[in-house]
């Protein structure tokens, strides 16, 4: 395989990964808007209409966001010393 072909393949791969990261960040920002219990319940109803595989990425993002909120809440109220 020629060097130029390999280089082009690498560039395409990097561009694809960059596009995926931007899309994932955008999705994460959109999902972060669902904060109240009612909003999350509505989102859970919507997700329940689809398979686990179809909603895997969304569920992972929501899980990370929930963990981050819980951790931030615990850190704000805790005192050490």
N, C-alpha and C. Protein backbone atom coordinates (compact mmCIF):
# COMPACT_ATOMS: atom_id res chain seq x y z
N UNK A 1 0.85 -1.17 0.00
CA UNK A 1 0.00 0.00 0.00
C UNK A 1 0.89 1.23 0.00
N UNK A 2 0.55 2.18 -0.81
CA UNK A 2 1.34 3.38 -0.92
C UNK A 2 1.21 4.23 0.34
N UNK A 3 2.25 5.02 0.57
CA UNK A 3 2.28 5.89 1.74
C UNK A 3 1.11 6.87 1.72
N UNK A 4 0.85 7.46 0.57
CA UNK A 4 -0.25 8.44 0.46
C UNK A 4 -1.59 7.80 0.80
N UNK A 5 -1.80 6.58 0.39
CA UNK A 5 -3.05 5.87 0.68
C UNK A 5 -3.18 5.62 2.17
N UNK A 6 -2.08 5.21 2.80
CA UNK A 6 -2.09 5.00 4.25
C UNK A 6 -2.36 6.31 4.98
N UNK A 7 -1.69 7.36 4.55
CA UNK A 7 -1.85 8.66 5.19
C UNK A 7 -3.29 9.16 5.05
N UNK A 8 -3.86 8.98 3.90
CA UNK A 8 -5.25 9.39 3.68
C UNK A 8 -6.19 8.60 4.58
N UNK A 9 -5.94 7.31 4.71
CA UNK A 9 -6.74 6.46 5.59
C UNK A 9 -6.67 6.91 7.04
N UNK A 10 -5.48 7.28 7.49
CA UNK A 10 -5.29 7.77 8.85
C UNK A 10 -6.05 9.07 9.04
N UNK A 11 -5.95 9.96 8.08
CA UNK A 11 -6.65 11.25 8.18
C UNK A 11 -8.17 11.06 8.22
N UNK A 12 -8.67 10.17 7.40
CA UNK A 12 -10.12 9.90 7.39
C UNK A 12 -10.54 9.32 8.74
N UNK A 13 -9.73 8.39 9.25
CA UNK A 13 -10.03 7.78 10.54
C UNK A 13 -10.06 8.83 11.65
N UNK A 14 -9.10 9.71 11.67
CA UNK A 14 -9.05 10.76 12.68
C UNK A 14 -10.23 11.72 12.55
N UNK A 15 -10.58 12.06 11.34
CA UNK A 15 -11.73 12.95 11.12
C UNK A 15 -13.02 12.28 11.57
N UNK A 16 -13.16 11.00 11.31
CA UNK A 16 -14.35 10.26 11.75
C UNK A 16 -14.44 10.23 13.28
N UNK A 17 -13.32 9.97 13.92
CA UNK A 17 -13.31 9.93 15.39
C UNK A 17 -13.63 11.30 15.98
N UNK A 18 -13.11 12.35 15.35
CA UNK A 18 -13.40 13.71 15.81
C UNK A 18 -14.89 14.01 15.69
N UNK A 19 -15.48 13.62 14.57
CA UNK A 19 -16.91 13.82 14.34
C UNK A 19 -17.74 13.07 15.39
N UNK A 20 -17.32 11.84 15.70
CA UNK A 20 -18.03 11.05 16.72
C UNK A 20 -17.94 11.70 18.09
N UNK A 21 -16.76 12.24 18.44
CA UNK A 21 -16.60 12.91 19.73
C UNK A 21 -17.49 14.13 19.83
N UNK A 22 -17.55 14.92 18.76
CA UNK A 22 -18.40 16.11 18.75
C UNK A 22 -19.87 15.71 18.91
N UNK A 23 -20.28 14.68 18.20
CA UNK A 23 -21.67 14.22 18.29
C UNK A 23 -21.98 13.71 19.70
N UNK A 24 -21.04 12.99 20.31
CA UNK A 24 -21.24 12.47 21.66
C UNK A 24 -21.33 13.61 22.67
N UNK A 25 -20.48 14.64 22.52
CA UNK A 25 -20.55 15.80 23.41
C UNK A 25 -21.87 16.53 23.26
N UNK A 26 -22.34 16.66 22.03
CA UNK A 26 -23.61 17.33 21.77
C UNK A 26 -24.76 16.55 22.41
N UNK A 27 -24.76 15.24 22.23
CA UNK A 27 -25.78 14.39 22.83
C UNK A 27 -25.74 14.50 24.35
N UNK A 28 -24.56 14.48 24.92
CA UNK A 28 -24.40 14.60 26.36
C UNK A 28 -24.96 15.92 26.87
N UNK A 29 -24.69 17.00 26.16
CA UNK A 29 -25.22 18.31 26.55
C UNK A 29 -26.74 18.34 26.47
N UNK A 30 -27.30 17.73 25.45
CA UNK A 30 -28.76 17.68 25.31
C UNK A 30 -29.38 16.86 26.44
N UNK A 31 -28.76 15.74 26.78
CA UNK A 31 -29.30 14.89 27.83
C UNK A 31 -29.15 15.53 29.21
N UNK A 32 -28.16 16.38 29.38
CA UNK A 32 -27.97 17.06 30.67
C UNK A 32 -29.14 17.97 31.01
N UNK A 33 -29.93 18.36 30.03
CA UNK A 33 -31.08 19.22 30.27
C UNK A 33 -32.19 18.49 31.01
N UNK A 34 -32.18 17.15 30.99
CA UNK A 34 -33.19 16.35 31.69
C UNK A 34 -32.73 16.15 33.13
N UNK A 35 -33.06 17.10 34.01
CA UNK A 35 -32.53 17.04 35.37
C UNK A 35 -33.58 16.70 36.42
N UNK A 36 -34.80 17.17 36.27
CA UNK A 36 -35.80 16.93 37.31
C UNK A 36 -36.27 15.48 37.25
N UNK A 37 -36.79 14.98 38.35
CA UNK A 37 -37.32 13.60 38.34
C UNK A 37 -38.39 13.39 37.26
N UNK A 38 -39.25 14.37 37.05
CA UNK A 38 -40.29 14.24 36.03
C UNK A 38 -39.69 14.16 34.63
N UNK A 39 -38.69 14.99 34.37
CA UNK A 39 -38.04 14.96 33.05
C UNK A 39 -37.32 13.64 32.82
N UNK A 40 -36.64 13.15 33.87
CA UNK A 40 -35.94 11.86 33.74
C UNK A 40 -36.92 10.72 33.55
N UNK A 41 -38.06 10.78 34.26
CA UNK A 41 -39.08 9.73 34.11
C UNK A 41 -39.61 9.71 32.69
N UNK A 42 -39.84 10.90 32.14
CA UNK A 42 -40.30 10.98 30.75
C UNK A 42 -39.27 10.40 29.79
N UNK A 43 -38.02 10.72 30.02
CA UNK A 43 -36.95 10.18 29.19
C UNK A 43 -36.86 8.66 29.33
N UNK A 44 -37.02 8.16 30.54
CA UNK A 44 -36.98 6.71 30.75
C UNK A 44 -38.11 6.01 30.01
N UNK A 45 -39.29 6.63 29.96
CA UNK A 45 -40.42 6.06 29.21
C UNK A 45 -40.07 5.98 27.73
N UNK A 46 -39.48 7.03 27.23
CA UNK A 46 -39.09 7.06 25.81
C UNK A 46 -38.04 5.98 25.53
N UNK A 47 -37.06 5.86 26.40
CA UNK A 47 -36.00 4.87 26.21
C UNK A 47 -36.54 3.44 26.31
N UNK A 48 -37.56 3.24 27.12
CA UNK A 48 -38.13 1.91 27.30
C UNK A 48 -38.78 1.38 26.02
N UNK A 49 -39.07 2.25 25.09
CA UNK A 49 -39.67 1.84 23.82
C UNK A 49 -38.65 1.20 22.88
N UNK A 50 -37.39 1.26 23.25
CA UNK A 50 -36.31 0.77 22.38
C UNK A 50 -35.51 -0.30 23.10
N UNK A 51 -34.73 -1.04 22.35
CA UNK A 51 -33.91 -2.09 22.94
C UNK A 51 -32.74 -1.50 23.71
N UNK A 52 -32.16 -2.31 24.59
CA UNK A 52 -30.99 -1.88 25.36
C UNK A 52 -29.84 -1.51 24.42
N UNK A 53 -29.69 -2.29 23.36
CA UNK A 53 -28.60 -2.01 22.42
C UNK A 53 -28.81 -0.66 21.73
N UNK A 54 -30.03 -0.36 21.37
CA UNK A 54 -30.32 0.91 20.69
C UNK A 54 -30.09 2.11 21.61
N UNK A 55 -30.28 1.92 22.90
CA UNK A 55 -30.17 3.03 23.84
C UNK A 55 -28.92 2.97 24.71
N UNK A 56 -28.03 2.04 24.40
CA UNK A 56 -26.83 1.83 25.21
C UNK A 56 -26.04 3.12 25.46
N UNK A 57 -25.74 3.84 24.40
CA UNK A 57 -24.92 5.05 24.54
C UNK A 57 -25.63 6.11 25.39
N UNK A 58 -26.92 6.26 25.17
CA UNK A 58 -27.69 7.25 25.94
C UNK A 58 -27.70 6.86 27.41
N UNK A 59 -27.94 5.59 27.69
CA UNK A 59 -27.97 5.13 29.08
C UNK A 59 -26.61 5.29 29.76
N UNK A 60 -25.54 5.07 29.04
CA UNK A 60 -24.20 5.26 29.60
C UNK A 60 -23.96 6.73 29.94
N UNK A 61 -24.36 7.61 29.05
CA UNK A 61 -24.20 9.04 29.30
C UNK A 61 -25.01 9.46 30.52
N UNK A 62 -26.27 9.02 30.58
CA UNK A 62 -27.13 9.38 31.71
C UNK A 62 -26.56 8.83 33.02
N UNK A 63 -26.02 7.64 32.98
CA UNK A 63 -25.42 7.05 34.18
C UNK A 63 -24.23 7.88 34.65
N UNK A 64 -23.37 8.29 33.73
CA UNK A 64 -22.22 9.13 34.09
C UNK A 64 -22.68 10.46 34.66
N UNK A 65 -23.71 11.05 34.05
CA UNK A 65 -24.22 12.33 34.53
C UNK A 65 -24.82 12.19 35.92
N UNK A 66 -25.58 11.12 36.15
CA UNK A 66 -26.16 10.89 37.48
C UNK A 66 -25.07 10.73 38.52
N UNK A 67 -24.05 9.94 38.19
CA UNK A 67 -22.94 9.74 39.11
C UNK A 67 -22.25 11.07 39.42
N UNK A 68 -22.02 11.87 38.38
CA UNK A 68 -21.38 13.17 38.58
C UNK A 68 -22.21 14.09 39.46
N UNK A 69 -23.52 14.09 39.27
CA UNK A 69 -24.39 14.93 40.10
C UNK A 69 -24.39 14.45 41.55
N UNK A 70 -24.45 13.14 41.74
CA UNK A 70 -24.44 12.60 43.10
C UNK A 70 -23.12 12.91 43.79
N UNK A 71 -22.06 12.74 43.06
CA UNK A 71 -20.73 13.02 43.62
C UNK A 71 -20.59 14.49 43.98
N UNK A 72 -21.03 15.36 43.09
CA UNK A 72 -20.96 16.81 43.35
C UNK A 72 -21.82 17.17 44.55
N UNK A 73 -22.98 16.55 44.67
CA UNK A 73 -23.86 16.82 45.81
C UNK A 73 -23.24 16.38 47.11
N UNK A 74 -22.57 15.24 47.10
CA UNK A 74 -21.91 14.75 48.30
C UNK A 74 -20.71 15.59 48.68
N UNK A 75 -20.00 16.07 47.70
CA UNK A 75 -18.82 16.89 47.98
C UNK A 75 -19.21 18.26 48.53
N UNK A 76 -20.29 18.82 48.05
CA UNK A 76 -20.72 20.14 48.48
C UNK A 76 -21.12 20.11 49.97
N UNK A 77 -21.83 19.07 50.38
CA UNK A 77 -22.33 18.99 51.74
C UNK A 77 -21.38 18.36 52.72
N UNK A 78 -20.30 17.80 52.26
CA UNK A 78 -19.41 17.10 53.18
C UNK A 78 -18.33 18.02 53.72
N UNK A 79 -17.90 17.69 54.93
CA UNK A 79 -16.79 18.43 55.55
C UNK A 79 -15.76 17.42 55.99
N UNK A 80 -14.55 17.74 55.73
CA UNK A 80 -13.48 16.85 56.14
C UNK A 80 -12.59 17.60 57.12
N UNK A 81 -12.10 16.86 58.03
CA UNK A 81 -11.13 17.49 58.90
C UNK A 81 -11.31 17.23 60.29
